[in-house]
Amino acid sequence: MPTNYVNDSYGSFIWVNSEQEALNYPVARNSGILMMHRTEPVIYMKSADAYGRMMPMEIYDLTKRQPPTPQIAPTESYVREQDFDTRVAEIVKAKLDELMK
């Protein structure tokens, strides 16, 4: 049996000590419950349909989201302002030569 039940305005969750305890926890018809493992970063979601049939229990690993590592482009990939017009002219000329073939 679960040892602690929390019900607040954001919903409810149940603390369980094992996956087996989560599997054995009863669920009312047409409802679902969220259970959190007491010592592991695991969340169990269990639900039942309108006839009281249990749906397969879903198990999620709770992990901390890491911010993405910024990607720094090599400076060679940038065109200096004074070279921009020359570079654009080269690209346009190359495309026109390609189309004229």
PDB file of N, CA and C in Angstrom:
ATOM      1  N   MET A   1       0.835  -1.188   0.000  1.00  0.00           N
ATOM      2  CA  MET A   1       0.000   0.000   0.000  1.00  0.00           C
ATOM      3  C   MET A   1       0.876   1.246   0.000  1.00  0.00           C
ATOM      4  N   PRO A   2       0.457   2.296  -0.661  1.00  0.00           N
ATOM      5  CA  PRO A   2       1.232   3.519  -0.657  1.00  0.00           C
ATOM      6  C   PRO A   2       1.252   4.140   0.733  1.00  0.00           C
ATOM      7  N   THR A   3       2.309   4.850   0.993  1.00  0.00           N
ATOM      8  CA  THR A   3       2.464   5.414   2.327  1.00  0.00           C
ATOM      9  C   THR A   3       2.110   6.888   2.393  1.00  0.00           C
ATOM     10  N   ASN A   4       1.955   7.548   1.249  1.00  0.00           N
ATOM     11  CA  ASN A   4       1.682   8.975   1.267  1.00  0.00           C
ATOM     12  C   ASN A   4       0.872   9.352   0.041  1.00  0.00           C
ATOM     13  N   TYR A   5      -0.160  10.140   0.240  1.00  0.00           N
ATOM     14  CA  TYR A   5      -1.006  10.601  -0.859  1.00  0.00           C
ATOM     15  C   TYR A   5      -1.085  12.117  -0.772  1.00  0.00           C
ATOM     16  N   VAL A   6      -0.844  12.790  -1.897  1.00  0.00           N
ATOM     17  CA  VAL A   6      -0.889  14.247  -1.928  1.00  0.00           C
ATOM     18  C   VAL A   6      -1.955  14.663  -2.926  1.00  0.00           C
ATOM     19  N   ASN A   7      -2.849  15.537  -2.510  1.00  0.00           N
ATOM     20  CA  ASN A   7      -3.888  16.048  -3.398  1.00  0.00           C
ATOM     21  C   ASN A   7      -3.862  17.565  -3.288  1.00  0.00           C
ATOM     22  N   ASP A   8      -3.591  18.237  -4.388  1.00  0.00           N
ATOM     23  CA  ASP A   8      -3.569  19.697  -4.378  1.00  0.00           C
ATOM     24  C   ASP A   8      -4.318  20.222  -5.593  1.00  0.00           C
ATOM     25  N   SER A   9      -4.338  21.537  -5.755  1.00  0.00           N
ATOM     26  CA  SER A   9      -5.112  22.134  -6.846  1.00  0.00           C
ATOM     27  C   SER A   9      -4.515  21.841  -8.213  1.00  0.00           C
ATOM     28  N   TYR A  10      -3.275  21.372  -8.283  1.00  0.00           N
ATOM     29  CA  TYR A  10      -2.627  21.070  -9.560  1.00  0.00           C
ATOM     30  C   TYR A  10      -2.826  19.629  -9.986  1.00  0.00           C
ATOM     31  N   GLY A  11      -3.528  18.834  -9.227  1.00  0.00           N
ATOM     32  CA  GLY A  11      -3.690  17.424  -9.525  1.00  0.00           C
ATOM     33  C   GLY A  11      -3.230  16.617  -8.335  1.00  0.00           C
ATOM     34  N   SER A  12      -3.010  15.350  -8.545  1.00  0.00           N
ATOM     35  CA  SER A  12      -2.587  14.521  -7.426  1.00  0.00           C
ATOM     36  C   SER A  12      -1.541  13.527  -7.889  1.00  0.00           C
ATOM     37  N   PHE A  13      -0.728  13.094  -6.958  1.00  0.00           N
ATOM     38  CA  PHE A  13       0.219  12.033  -7.231  1.00  0.00           C
ATOM     39  C   PHE A  13       0.382  11.196  -5.985  1.00  0.00           C
ATOM     40  N   ILE A  14       0.877   9.999  -6.179  1.00  0.00           N
ATOM     41  CA  ILE A  14       1.022   9.029  -5.102  1.00  0.00           C
ATOM     42  C   ILE A  14       2.473   8.602  -5.046  1.00  0.00           C
ATOM     43  N   TRP A  15       3.043   8.546  -3.847  1.00  0.00           N
ATOM     44  CA  TRP A  15       4.408   8.056  -3.668  1.00  0.00           C
ATOM     45  C   TRP A  15       4.368   6.548  -3.526  1.00  0.00           C
ATOM     46  N   VAL A  16       5.204   5.835  -4.279  1.00  0.00           N
ATOM     47  CA  VAL A  16       5.296   4.378  -4.160  1.00  0.00           C
ATOM     48  C   VAL A  16       6.755   3.992  -3.934  1.00  0.00           C
ATOM     49  N   ASN A  17       6.951   2.804  -3.395  1.00  0.00           N
ATOM     50  CA  ASN A  17       8.294   2.329  -3.076  1.00  0.00           C
ATOM     51  C   ASN A  17       8.882   1.409  -4.133  1.00  0.00           C
ATOM     52  N   SER A  18       8.052   0.937  -5.082  1.00  0.00           N
ATOM     53  CA  SER A  18       8.558   0.015  -6.098  1.00  0.00           C
ATOM     54  C   SER A  18       7.619   0.005  -7.302  1.00  0.00           C
ATOM     55  N   GLU A  19       8.114  -0.564  -8.397  1.00  0.00           N
ATOM     56  CA  GLU A  19       7.286  -0.707  -9.588  1.00  0.00           C
ATOM     57  C   GLU A  19       6.132  -1.670  -9.305  1.00  0.00           C
ATOM     58  N   GLN A  20       6.404  -2.708  -8.547  1.00  0.00           N
ATOM     59  CA  GLN A  20       5.354  -3.673  -8.211  1.00  0.00           C
ATOM     60  C   GLN A  20       4.234  -3.017  -7.412  1.00  0.00           C
ATOM     61  N   GLU A  21       4.592  -2.134  -6.506  1.00  0.00           N
ATOM     62  CA  GLU A  21       3.573  -1.412  -5.740  1.00  0.00           C
ATOM     63  C   GLU A  21       2.722  -0.548  -6.666  1.00  0.00           C
ATOM     64  N   ALA A  22       3.352   0.068  -7.649  1.00  0.00           N
ATOM     65  CA  ALA A  22       2.609   0.868  -8.625  1.00  0.00           C
ATOM     66  C   ALA A  22       1.680  -0.017  -9.455  1.00  0.00           C
ATOM     67  N   LEU A  23       2.158  -1.192  -9.863  1.00  0.00           N
ATOM     68  CA  LEU A  23       1.316  -2.122 -10.626  1.00  0.00           C
ATOM     69  C   LEU A  23       0.101  -2.574  -9.829  1.00  0.00           C
ATOM     70  N   ASN A  24       0.272  -2.762  -8.539  1.00  0.00           N
ATOM     71  CA  ASN A  24      -0.812  -3.267  -7.699  1.00  0.00           C
ATOM     72  C   ASN A  24      -1.777  -2.185  -7.238  1.00  0.00           C
ATOM     73  N   TYR A  25      -1.441  -0.915  -7.448  1.00  0.00           N
ATOM     74  CA  TYR A  25      -2.290   0.161  -6.952  1.00  0.00           C
ATOM     75  C   TYR A  25      -3.595   0.208  -7.742  1.00  0.00           C
ATOM     76  N   PRO A  26      -4.751   0.232  -7.072  1.00  0.00           N
ATOM     77  CA  PRO A  26      -6.035   0.242  -7.791  1.00  0.00           C
ATOM     78  C   PRO A  26      -6.322   1.608  -8.427  1.00  0.00           C
ATOM     79  N   VAL A  27      -7.027   1.550  -9.568  1.00  0.00           N
ATOM     80  CA  VAL A  27      -7.413   2.768 -10.275  1.00  0.00           C
ATOM     81  C   VAL A  27      -8.914   2.711 -10.518  1.00  0.00           C
ATOM     82  N   ALA A  28      -9.601   3.802 -10.252  1.00  0.00           N
ATOM     83  CA  ALA A  28     -11.049   3.869 -10.466  1.00  0.00           C
ATOM     84  C   ALA A  28     -11.349   3.870 -11.961  1.00  0.00           C
ATOM     85  N   ARG A  29     -12.565   3.488 -12.308  1.00  0.00           N
ATOM     86  CA  ARG A  29     -13.002   3.495 -13.707  1.00  0.00           C
ATOM     87  C   ARG A  29     -12.876   4.884 -14.305  1.00  0.00           C
ATOM     88  N   ASN A  30     -12.505   4.910 -15.576  1.00  0.00           N
ATOM     89  CA  ASN A  30     -12.462   6.148 -16.342  1.00  0.00           C
ATOM     90  C   ASN A  30     -11.595   7.233 -15.688  1.00  0.00           C
ATOM     91  N   SER A  31     -10.470   6.811 -15.117  1.00  0.00           N
ATOM     92  CA  SER A  31      -9.580   7.786 -14.484  1.00  0.00           C
ATOM     93  C   SER A  31      -8.142   7.312 -14.600  1.00  0.00           C
ATOM     94  N   GLY A  32      -7.254   8.147 -14.165  1.00  0.00           N
ATOM     95  CA  GLY A  32      -5.836   7.818 -14.188  1.00  0.00           C
ATOM     96  C   GLY A  32      -5.152   8.404 -12.971  1.00  0.00           C
ATOM     97  N   ILE A  33      -3.999   7.836 -12.633  1.00  0.00           N
ATOM     98  CA  ILE A  33      -3.237   8.346 -11.501  1.00  0.00           C
ATOM     99  C   ILE A  33      -1.765   8.456 -11.893  1.00  0.00           C
ATOM    100  N   LEU A  34      -1.099   9.337 -11.217  1.00  0.00           N
ATOM    101  CA  LEU A  34       0.310   9.570 -11.416  1.00  0.00           C
ATOM    102  C   LEU A  34       1.016   9.164 -10.135  1.00  0.00           C
ATOM    103  N   MET A  35       1.988   8.269 -10.258  1.00  0.00           N
ATOM    104  CA  MET A  35       2.727   7.792  -9.085  1.00  0.00           C
ATOM    105  C   MET A  35       4.199   8.105  -9.264  1.00  0.00           C
ATOM    106  N   MET A  36       4.825   8.511  -8.200  1.00  0.00           N
ATOM    107  CA  MET A  36       6.245   8.829  -8.231  1.00  0.00           C
ATOM    108  C   MET A  36       6.984   7.879  -7.299  1.00  0.00           C
ATOM    109  N   HIS A  37       8.087   7.345  -7.784  1.00  0.00           N
ATOM    110  CA  HIS A  37       8.905   6.440  -6.972  1.00  0.00           C
ATOM    111  C   HIS A  37       9.579   7.256  -5.877  1.00  0.00           C
ATOM    112  N   ARG A  38       9.585   6.716  -4.686  1.00  0.00           N
ATOM    113  CA  ARG A  38      10.093   7.443  -3.533  1.00  0.00           C
ATOM    114  C   ARG A  38      11.608   7.658  -3.575  1.00  0.00           C
ATOM    115  N   THR A  39      12.371   6.705  -4.111  1.00  0.00           N
ATOM    116  CA  THR A  39      13.830   6.807  -4.052  1.00  0.00           C
ATOM    117  C   THR A  39      14.505   6.840  -5.417  1.00  0.00           C
ATOM    118  N   GLU A  40      13.766   6.646  -6.485  1.00  0.00           N
ATOM    119  CA  GLU A  40      14.317   6.644  -7.838  1.00  0.00           C
ATOM    120  C   GLU A  40      13.671   7.760  -8.651  1.00  0.00           C
ATOM    121  N   PRO A  41      14.360   8.278  -9.669  1.00  0.00           N
ATOM    122  CA  PRO A  41      13.745   9.305 -10.530  1.00  0.00           C
ATOM    123  C   PRO A  41      12.826   8.687 -11.583  1.00  0.00           C
ATOM    124  N   VAL A  42      11.740   8.058 -11.132  1.00  0.00           N
ATOM    125  CA  VAL A  42      10.827   7.336 -12.017  1.00  0.00           C
ATOM    126  C   VAL A  42       9.397   7.782 -11.727  1.00  0.00           C
ATOM    127  N   ILE A  43       8.614   7.925 -12.806  1.00  0.00           N
ATOM    128  CA  ILE A  43       7.199   8.280 -12.699  1.00  0.00           C
ATOM    129  C   ILE A  43       6.388   7.176 -13.364  1.00  0.00           C
ATOM    130  N   TYR A  44       5.329   6.744 -12.709  1.00  0.00           N
ATOM    131  CA  TYR A  44       4.430   5.722 -13.243  1.00  0.00           C
ATOM    132  C   TYR A  44       3.081   6.382 -13.527  1.00  0.00           C
ATOM    133  N   MET A  45       2.501   6.071 -14.690  1.00  0.00           N
ATOM    134  CA  MET A  45       1.186   6.583 -15.034  1.00  0.00           C
ATOM    135  C   MET A  45       0.290   5.382 -15.322  1.00  0.00           C
ATOM    136  N   LYS A  46      -0.782   5.300 -14.566  1.00  0.00           N
ATOM    137  CA  LYS A  46      -1.678   4.151 -14.682  1.00  0.00           C
ATOM    138  C   LYS A  46      -3.093   4.676 -14.869  1.00  0.00           C
ATOM    139  N   SER A  47      -3.882   4.016 -15.758  1.00  0.00           N
ATOM    140  CA  SER A  47      -5.247   4.468 -16.010  1.00  0.00           C
ATOM    141  C   SER A  47      -6.147   3.277 -16.301  1.00  0.00           C
ATOM    142  N   ALA A  48      -7.448   3.548 -16.206  1.00  0.00           N
ATOM    143  CA  ALA A  48      -8.464   2.530 -16.490  1.00  0.00           C
ATOM    144  C   ALA A  48      -9.524   3.151 -17.387  1.00  0.00           C
ATOM    145  N   ASP A  49     -10.109   2.335 -18.257  1.00  0.00           N
ATOM    146  CA  ASP A  49     -11.147   2.849 -19.146  1.00  0.00           C
ATOM    147  C   ASP A  49     -12.498   2.887 -18.439  1.00  0.00           C
ATOM    148  N   ALA A  50     -13.552   3.240 -19.179  1.00  0.00           N
ATOM    149  CA  ALA A  50     -14.889   3.390 -18.593  1.00  0.00           C
ATOM    150  C   ALA A  50     -15.439   2.080 -18.042  1.00  0.00           C
ATOM    151  N   TYR A  51     -14.916   0.947 -18.516  1.00  0.00           N
ATOM    152  CA  TYR A  51     -15.379  -0.351 -18.034  1.00  0.00           C
ATOM    153  C   TYR A  51     -14.530  -0.869 -16.886  1.00  0.00           C
ATOM    154  N   GLY A  52     -13.524  -0.120 -16.487  1.00  0.00           N
ATOM    155  CA  GLY A  52     -12.654  -0.534 -15.394  1.00  0.00           C
ATOM    156  C   GLY A  52     -11.468  -1.374 -15.832  1.00  0.00           C
ATOM    157  N   ARG A  53     -11.281  -1.551 -17.158  1.00  0.00           N
ATOM    158  CA  ARG A  53     -10.143  -2.325 -17.646  1.00  0.00           C
ATOM    159  C   ARG A  53      -8.876  -1.488 -17.524  1.00  0.00           C
ATOM    160  N   MET A  54      -7.839  -2.087 -16.981  1.00  0.00           N
ATOM    161  CA  MET A  54      -6.574  -1.393 -16.803  1.00  0.00           C
ATOM    162  C   MET A  54      -5.855  -1.241 -18.138  1.00  0.00           C
ATOM    163  N   MET A  55      -5.368  -0.059 -18.400  1.00  0.00           N
ATOM    164  CA  MET A  55      -4.519   0.197 -19.556  1.00  0.00           C
ATOM    165  C   MET A  55      -3.089  -0.160 -19.154  1.00  0.00           C
ATOM    166  N   PRO A  56      -2.216  -0.440 -20.118  1.00  0.00           N
ATOM    167  CA  PRO A  56      -0.826  -0.731 -19.751  1.00  0.00           C
ATOM    168  C   PRO A  56      -0.209   0.456 -19.000  1.00  0.00           C
ATOM    169  N   MET A  57       0.488   0.144 -17.930  1.00  0.00           N
ATOM    170  CA  MET A  57       1.111   1.196 -17.136  1.00  0.00           C
ATOM    171  C   MET A  57       2.291   1.785 -17.913  1.00  0.00           C
ATOM    172  N   GLU A  58       2.383   3.101 -17.930  1.00  0.00           N
ATOM    173  CA  GLU A  58       3.481   3.787 -18.608  1.00  0.00           C
ATOM    174  C   GLU A  58       4.518   4.187 -17.562  1.00  0.00           C
ATOM    175  N   ILE A  59       5.785   3.976 -17.890  1.00  0.00           N
ATOM    176  CA  ILE A  59       6.875   4.281 -16.971  1.00  0.00           C
ATOM    177  C   ILE A  59       7.795   5.295 -17.634  1.00  0.00           C
ATOM    178  N   TYR A  60       8.083   6.373 -16.918  1.00  0.00           N
ATOM    179  CA  TYR A  60       8.937   7.448 -17.432  1.00  0.00           C
ATOM    180  C   TYR A  60      10.117   7.656 -16.498  1.00  0.00           C
ATOM    181  N   ASP A  61      11.275   7.866 -17.066  1.00  0.00           N
ATOM    182  CA  ASP A  61      12.450   8.234 -16.285  1.00  0.00           C
ATOM    183  C   ASP A  61      12.496   9.747 -16.189  1.00  0.00           C
ATOM    184  N   LEU A  62      12.611  10.251 -14.995  1.00  0.00           N
ATOM    185  CA  LEU A  62      12.662  11.685 -14.765  1.00  0.00           C
ATOM    186  C   LEU A  62      14.116  12.127 -14.826  1.00  0.00           C
ATOM    187  N   THR A  63      14.429  12.971 -15.800  1.00  0.00           N
ATOM    188  CA  THR A  63      15.794  13.466 -15.941  1.00  0.00           C
ATOM    189  C   THR A  63      15.773  14.986 -16.026  1.00  0.00           C
ATOM    190  N   LYS A  64      16.838  15.587 -15.562  1.00  0.00           N
ATOM    191  CA  LYS A  64      16.964  17.033 -15.614  1.00  0.00           C
ATOM    192  C   LYS A  64      17.300  17.460 -17.037  1.00  0.00           C
ATOM    193  N   ARG A  65      16.628  18.467 -17.515  1.00  0.00           N
ATOM    194  CA  ARG A  65      16.878  18.979 -18.858  1.00  0.00           C
ATOM    195  C   ARG A  65      18.134  19.842 -18.823  1.00  0.00           C
ATOM    196  N   GLN A  66      19.047  19.557 -19.738  1.00  0.00           N
ATOM    197  CA  GLN A  66      20.295  20.309 -19.830  1.00  0.00           C
ATOM    198  C   GLN A  66      20.159  21.369 -20.917  1.00  0.00           C
ATOM    199  N   PRO A  67      20.642  22.589 -20.657  1.00  0.00           N
ATOM    200  CA  PRO A  67      20.581  23.606 -21.712  1.00  0.00           C
ATOM    201  C   PRO A  67      21.485  23.206 -22.865  1.00  0.00           C
ATOM    202  N   PRO A  68      21.110  23.558 -24.089  1.00  0.00           N
ATOM    203  CA  PRO A  68      21.943  23.191 -25.242  1.00  0.00           C
ATOM    204  C   PRO A  68      23.297  23.894 -25.175  1.00  0.00           C
ATOM    205  N   THR A  69      24.309  23.191 -25.634  1.00  0.00           N
ATOM    206  CA  THR A  69      25.646  23.766 -25.687  1.00  0.00           C
ATOM    207  C   THR A  69      25.717  24.707 -26.876  1.00  0.00           C
ATOM    208  N   PRO A  70      26.133  25.954 -26.651  1.00  0.00           N
ATOM    209  CA  PRO A  70      26.193  26.875 -27.796  1.00  0.00           C
ATOM    210  C   PRO A  70      27.225  26.432 -28.813  1.00  0.00           C
ATOM    211  N   GLN A  71      26.856  26.507 -30.071  1.00  0.00           N
ATOM    212  CA  GLN A  71      27.752  26.131 -31.152  1.00  0.00           C
ATOM    213  C   GLN A  71      28.435  27.388 -31.686  1.00  0.00           C
ATOM    214  N   ILE A  72      29.732  27.403 -31.657  1.00  0.00           N
ATOM    215  CA  ILE A  72      30.490  28.546 -32.140  1.00  0.00           C
ATOM    216  C   ILE A  72      31.018  28.215 -33.528  1.00  0.00           C
ATOM    217  N   ALA A  73      30.605  29.022 -34.486  1.00  0.00           N
ATOM    218  CA  ALA A  73      31.034  28.795 -35.867  1.00  0.00           C
ATOM    219  C   ALA A  73      32.484  29.249 -36.027  1.00  0.00           C
ATOM    220  N   PRO A  74      33.248  28.530 -36.822  1.00  0.00           N
ATOM    221  CA  PRO A  74      34.624  28.979 -37.057  1.00  0.00           C
ATOM    222  C   PRO A  74      34.618  30.318 -37.787  1.00  0.00           C
ATOM    223  N   THR A  75      35.591  31.139 -37.488  1.00  0.00           N
ATOM    224  CA  THR A  75      35.627  32.483 -38.066  1.00  0.00           C
ATOM    225  C   THR A  75      35.845  32.454 -39.569  1.00  0.00           C
ATOM    226  N   GLU A  76      36.359  31.352 -40.121  1.00  0.00           N
ATOM    227  CA  GLU A  76      36.565  31.275 -41.562  1.00  0.00           C
ATOM    228  C   GLU A  76      35.244  31.270 -42.323  1.00  0.00           C
ATOM    229  N   SER A  77      34.144  30.916 -41.670  1.00  0.00           N
ATOM    230  CA  SER A  77      32.866  30.830 -42.370  1.00  0.00           C
ATOM    231  C   SER A  77      32.208  32.198 -42.538  1.00  0.00           C
ATOM    232  N   TYR A  78      32.746  33.229 -41.894  1.00  0.00           N
ATOM    233  CA  TYR A  78      32.186  34.567 -42.023  1.00  0.00           C
ATOM    234  C   TYR A  78      32.907  35.346 -43.122  1.00  0.00           C
ATOM    235  N   VAL A  79      32.161  36.202 -43.783  1.00  0.00           N
ATOM    236  CA  VAL A  79      32.733  37.060 -44.817  1.00  0.00           C
ATOM    237  C   VAL A  79      32.901  38.454 -44.201  1.00  0.00           C
ATOM    238  N   ARG A  80      34.057  38.999 -44.362  1.00  0.00           N
ATOM    239  CA  ARG A  80      34.276  40.350 -43.855  1.00  0.00           C
ATOM    240  C   ARG A  80      33.456  41.330 -44.665  1.00  0.00           C
ATOM    241  N   GLU A  81      33.081  42.430 -44.065  1.00  0.00           N
ATOM    242  CA  GLU A  81      32.218  43.403 -44.719  1.00  0.00           C
ATOM    243  C   GLU A  81      32.831  43.931 -46.021  1.00  0.00           C
ATOM    244  N   GLN A  82      34.109  44.177 -46.017  1.00  0.00           N
ATOM    245  CA  GLN A  82      34.752  44.721 -47.211  1.00  0.00           C
ATOM    246  C   GLN A  82      34.819  43.683 -48.336  1.00  0.00           C
ATOM    247  N   ASP A  83      34.731  42.396 -48.035  1.00  0.00           N
ATOM    248  CA  ASP A  83      34.780  41.353 -49.057  1.00  0.00           C
ATOM    249  C   ASP A  83      33.396  40.897 -49.514  1.00  0.00           C
ATOM    250  N   PHE A  84      32.339  41.431 -48.882  1.00  0.00           N
ATOM    251  CA  PHE A  84      30.986  40.950 -49.142  1.00  0.00           C
ATOM    252  C   PHE A  84      30.576  41.159 -50.600  1.00  0.00           C
ATOM    253  N   ASP A  85      30.726  42.369 -51.110  1.00  0.00           N
ATOM    254  CA  ASP A  85      30.311  42.664 -52.499  1.00  0.00           C
ATOM    255  C   ASP A  85      31.063  41.797 -53.504  1.00  0.00           C
ATOM    256  N   THR A  86      32.345  41.600 -53.272  1.00  0.00           N
ATOM    257  CA  THR A  86      33.139  40.761 -54.174  1.00  0.00           C
ATOM    258  C   THR A  86      32.638  39.327 -54.136  1.00  0.00           C
ATOM    259  N   ARG A  87      32.348  38.836 -52.950  1.00  0.00           N
ATOM    260  CA  ARG A  87      31.870  37.443 -52.787  1.00  0.00           C
ATOM    261  C   ARG A  87      30.509  37.256 -53.463  1.00  0.00           C
ATOM    262  N   VAL A  88      29.608  38.214 -53.309  1.00  0.00           N
ATOM    263  CA  VAL A  88      28.289  38.127 -53.937  1.00  0.00           C
ATOM    264  C   VAL A  88      28.442  38.135 -55.454  1.00  0.00           C
ATOM    265  N   ALA A  89      29.299  38.985 -55.979  1.00  0.00           N
ATOM    266  CA  ALA A  89      29.524  39.042 -57.426  1.00  0.00           C
ATOM    267  C   ALA A  89      30.058  37.708 -57.947  1.00  0.00           C
ATOM    268  N   GLU A  90      30.962  37.077 -57.203  1.00  0.00           N
ATOM    269  CA  GLU A  90      31.501  35.769 -57.606  1.00  0.00           C
ATOM    270  C   GLU A  90      30.405  34.712 -57.658  1.00  0.00           C
ATOM    271  N   ILE A  91      29.538  34.714 -56.652  1.00  0.00           N
ATOM    272  CA  ILE A  91      28.453  33.718 -56.597  1.00  0.00           C
ATOM    273  C   ILE A  91      27.478  33.938 -57.741  1.00  0.00           C
ATOM    274  N   VAL A  92      27.105  35.197 -58.004  1.00  0.00           N
ATOM    275  CA  VAL A  92      26.165  35.504 -59.093  1.00  0.00           C
ATOM    276  C   VAL A  92      26.769  35.123 -60.437  1.00  0.00           C
ATOM    277  N   LYS A  93      28.036  35.437 -60.635  1.00  0.00           N
ATOM    278  CA  LYS A  93      28.702  35.093 -61.894  1.00  0.00           C
ATOM    279  C   LYS A  93      28.744  33.584 -62.085  1.00  0.00           C
ATOM    280  N   ALA A  94      29.053  32.840 -61.026  1.00  0.00           N
ATOM    281  CA  ALA A  94      29.113  31.383 -61.115  1.00  0.00           C
ATOM    282  C   ALA A  94      27.734  30.813 -61.467  1.00  0.00           C
ATOM    283  N   LYS A  95      26.667  31.338 -60.879  1.00  0.00           N
ATOM    284  CA  LYS A  95      25.318  30.859 -61.174  1.00  0.00           C
ATOM    285  C   LYS A  95      24.916  31.198 -62.614  1.00  0.00           C
ATOM    286  N   LEU A  96      25.252  32.407 -63.067  1.00  0.00           N
ATOM    287  CA  LEU A  96      24.936  32.789 -64.445  1.00  0.00           C
ATOM    288  C   LEU A  96      25.690  31.925 -65.438  1.00  0.00           C
ATOM    289  N   ASP A  97      26.994  31.658 -65.166  1.00  0.00           N
ATOM    290  CA  ASP A  97      27.763  30.777 -66.049  1.00  0.00           C
ATOM    291  C   ASP A  97      27.161  29.396 -66.097  1.00  0.00           C
ATOM    292  N   GLU A  98      26.679  28.924 -64.972  1.00  0.00           N
ATOM    293  CA  GLU A  98      26.055  27.599 -64.894  1.00  0.00           C
ATOM    294  C   GLU A  98      24.768  27.549 -65.711  1.00  0.00           C
ATOM    295  N   LEU A  99      23.978  28.621 -65.643  1.00  0.00           N
ATOM    296  CA  LEU A  99      22.712  28.683 -66.387  1.00  0.00           C
ATOM    297  C   LEU A  99      22.934  28.852 -67.895  1.00  0.00           C
ATOM    298  N   MET A 100      24.012  29.489 -68.277  1.00  0.00           N
ATOM    299  CA  MET A 100      24.289  29.753 -69.688  1.00  0.00           C
ATOM    300  C   MET A 100      24.823  28.534 -70.423  1.00  0.00           C
ATOM    301  N   LYS A 101      25.191  27.496 -69.737  1.00  0.00           N
ATOM    302  CA  LYS A 101      25.727  26.298 -70.390  1.00  0.00           C
ATOM    303  C   LYS A 101      24.693  25.574 -71.183  1.00  0.00           C
TER     304      LYS A 101
END
